[in-house]
Amino acid sequence: MSPRDRIIAIAVRMLVKRGVNTVPASTDNLREAGLTSLDMVNLMLAIEAEFDIEIPQSAMTPDNFDTVTAIENLVSATAKAA
């Protein structure tokens, strides 16, 4: 499974908990799709666990978690920096 597919799977699980049964496109805003601020924190933690990375405090910004593509870029950059 590609990193993008893994990120989408996490986002879908979180959206389903909110009663949203859609698969977000790579550029869909996840907050607009239905995730709350608390969901976004849980999303960050789930991404860290899924990819066995630690996202730097400086990278924990809303822009880095807005879309699947933004998360994918963050995961890639974080993994390379490790």
C-alpha atoms as a PDB file:
ATOM      1  CA  MET A   1       0.000   0.000   0.000  1.00  0.00           C
ATOM      2  CA  SER A   2       1.424   3.395  -0.968  1.00  0.00           C
ATOM      3  CA  PRO A   3       1.899   6.171   1.592  1.00  0.00           C
ATOM      4  CA  ARG A   4      -0.974   8.068  -0.060  1.00  0.00           C
ATOM      5  CA  ASP A   5      -3.285   5.044   0.290  1.00  0.00           C
ATOM      6  CA  ARG A   6      -2.288   4.653   3.941  1.00  0.00           C
ATOM      7  CA  ILE A   7      -3.023   8.338   4.628  1.00  0.00           C
ATOM      8  CA  ILE A   8      -6.369   8.124   2.829  1.00  0.00           C
ATOM      9  CA  ALA A   9      -7.287   5.026   4.858  1.00  0.00           C
ATOM     10  CA  ILE A  10      -6.613   6.904   8.113  1.00  0.00           C
ATOM     11  CA  ALA A  11      -8.626   9.928   6.942  1.00  0.00           C
ATOM     12  CA  VAL A  12     -11.529   7.713   5.839  1.00  0.00           C
ATOM     13  CA  ARG A  13     -11.618   5.956   9.236  1.00  0.00           C
ATOM     14  CA  MET A  14     -11.796   9.322  10.975  1.00  0.00           C
ATOM     15  CA  LEU A  15     -14.432  10.699   8.607  1.00  0.00           C
ATOM     16  CA  VAL A  16     -16.603   7.593   9.070  1.00  0.00           C
ATOM     17  CA  LYS A  17     -16.590   8.262  12.828  1.00  0.00           C
ATOM     18  CA  ARG A  18     -18.089  11.668  11.956  1.00  0.00           C
ATOM     19  CA  GLY A  19     -20.738  10.049   9.768  1.00  0.00           C
ATOM     20  CA  VAL A  20     -19.063  11.095   6.524  1.00  0.00           C
ATOM     21  CA  ASN A  21     -18.918   8.189   4.095  1.00  0.00           C
ATOM     22  CA  THR A  22     -16.781   9.648   1.334  1.00  0.00           C
ATOM     23  CA  VAL A  23     -13.196   9.048   0.295  1.00  0.00           C
ATOM     24  CA  PRO A  24     -11.365  12.366   0.175  1.00  0.00           C
ATOM     25  CA  ALA A  25      -9.497  13.249  -3.008  1.00  0.00           C
ATOM     26  CA  SER A  26      -5.847  14.157  -2.591  1.00  0.00           C
ATOM     27  CA  THR A  27      -6.621  17.868  -2.681  1.00  0.00           C
ATOM     28  CA  ASP A  28      -9.854  17.904  -0.642  1.00  0.00           C
ATOM     29  CA  ASN A  29      -9.667  19.974   2.533  1.00  0.00           C
ATOM     30  CA  LEU A  30     -10.125  17.469   5.361  1.00  0.00           C
ATOM     31  CA  ARG A  31     -11.672  20.014   7.739  1.00  0.00           C
ATOM     32  CA  GLU A  32     -14.207  20.984   5.099  1.00  0.00           C
ATOM     33  CA  ALA A  33     -14.847  17.256   4.567  1.00  0.00           C
ATOM     34  CA  GLY A  34     -15.915  16.971   8.216  1.00  0.00           C
ATOM     35  CA  LEU A  35     -12.938  16.619  10.553  1.00  0.00           C
ATOM     36  CA  THR A  36     -12.899  18.740  13.722  1.00  0.00           C
ATOM     37  CA  SER A  37      -9.892  20.359  15.378  1.00  0.00           C
ATOM     38  CA  LEU A  38      -9.650  17.421  17.777  1.00  0.00           C
ATOM     39  CA  ASP A  39      -9.841  15.034  14.816  1.00  0.00           C
ATOM     40  CA  MET A  40      -6.905  16.855  13.265  1.00  0.00           C
ATOM     41  CA  VAL A  41      -4.814  16.251  16.395  1.00  0.00           C
ATOM     42  CA  ASN A  42      -5.807  12.585  16.323  1.00  0.00           C
ATOM     43  CA  LEU A  43      -4.980  12.487  12.624  1.00  0.00           C
ATOM     44  CA  MET A  44      -1.486  13.786  13.357  1.00  0.00           C
ATOM     45  CA  LEU A  45      -0.984  11.135  16.047  1.00  0.00           C
ATOM     46  CA  ALA A  46      -2.303   8.413  13.749  1.00  0.00           C
ATOM     47  CA  ILE A  47       0.070   9.504  10.976  1.00  0.00           C
ATOM     48  CA  GLU A  48       3.016   9.427  13.375  1.00  0.00           C
ATOM     49  CA  ALA A  49       2.076   5.914  14.499  1.00  0.00           C
ATOM     50  CA  GLU A  50       1.360   4.616  10.980  1.00  0.00           C
ATOM     51  CA  PHE A  51       4.677   5.803   9.560  1.00  0.00           C
ATOM     52  CA  ASP A  52       6.756   5.451  12.759  1.00  0.00           C
ATOM     53  CA  ILE A  53       7.868   9.074  12.601  1.00  0.00           C
ATOM     54  CA  GLU A  54       7.862  12.044  14.935  1.00  0.00           C
ATOM     55  CA  ILE A  55       6.533  15.184  13.340  1.00  0.00           C
ATOM     56  CA  PRO A  56       8.558  18.196  14.507  1.00  0.00           C
ATOM     57  CA  GLN A  57       6.660  20.765  16.558  1.00  0.00           C
ATOM     58  CA  SER A  58       7.431  23.382  13.905  1.00  0.00           C
ATOM     59  CA  ALA A  59       5.652  21.249  11.270  1.00  0.00           C
ATOM     60  CA  MET A  60       2.458  20.828  13.311  1.00  0.00           C
ATOM     61  CA  THR A  61       0.559  23.474  11.389  1.00  0.00           C
ATOM     62  CA  PRO A  62      -2.953  23.354   9.916  1.00  0.00           C
ATOM     63  CA  ASP A  63      -1.538  23.751   6.402  1.00  0.00           C
ATOM     64  CA  ASN A  64       0.447  20.521   6.759  1.00  0.00           C
ATOM     65  CA  PHE A  65      -2.729  18.562   7.554  1.00  0.00           C
ATOM     66  CA  ASP A  66      -5.269  20.277   5.263  1.00  0.00           C
ATOM     67  CA  THR A  67      -5.140  17.690   2.484  1.00  0.00           C
ATOM     68  CA  VAL A  68      -3.904  14.167   1.805  1.00  0.00           C
ATOM     69  CA  THR A  69      -1.247  15.661  -0.485  1.00  0.00           C
ATOM     70  CA  ALA A  70      -0.031  18.019   2.258  1.00  0.00           C
ATOM     71  CA  ILE A  71       0.204  15.126   4.733  1.00  0.00           C
ATOM     72  CA  GLU A  72       1.994  12.976   2.153  1.00  0.00           C
ATOM     73  CA  ASN A  73       4.560  15.737   1.589  1.00  0.00           C
ATOM     74  CA  LEU A  74       5.026  16.154   5.340  1.00  0.00           C
ATOM     75  CA  VAL A  75       5.513  12.411   5.865  1.00  0.00           C
ATOM     76  CA  SER A  76       8.061  12.305   3.055  1.00  0.00           C
ATOM     77  CA  ALA A  77      10.020  15.291   4.372  1.00  0.00           C
ATOM     78  CA  THR A  78       9.921  14.006   7.970  1.00  0.00           C
ATOM     79  CA  ALA A  79      11.058  10.518   6.970  1.00  0.00           C
ATOM     80  CA  LYS A  80      13.967  11.935   4.937  1.00  0.00           C
ATOM     81  CA  ALA A  81      15.047  14.159   7.842  1.00  0.00           C
ATOM     82  CA  ALA A  82      15.161  11.214  10.269  1.00  0.00           C
END
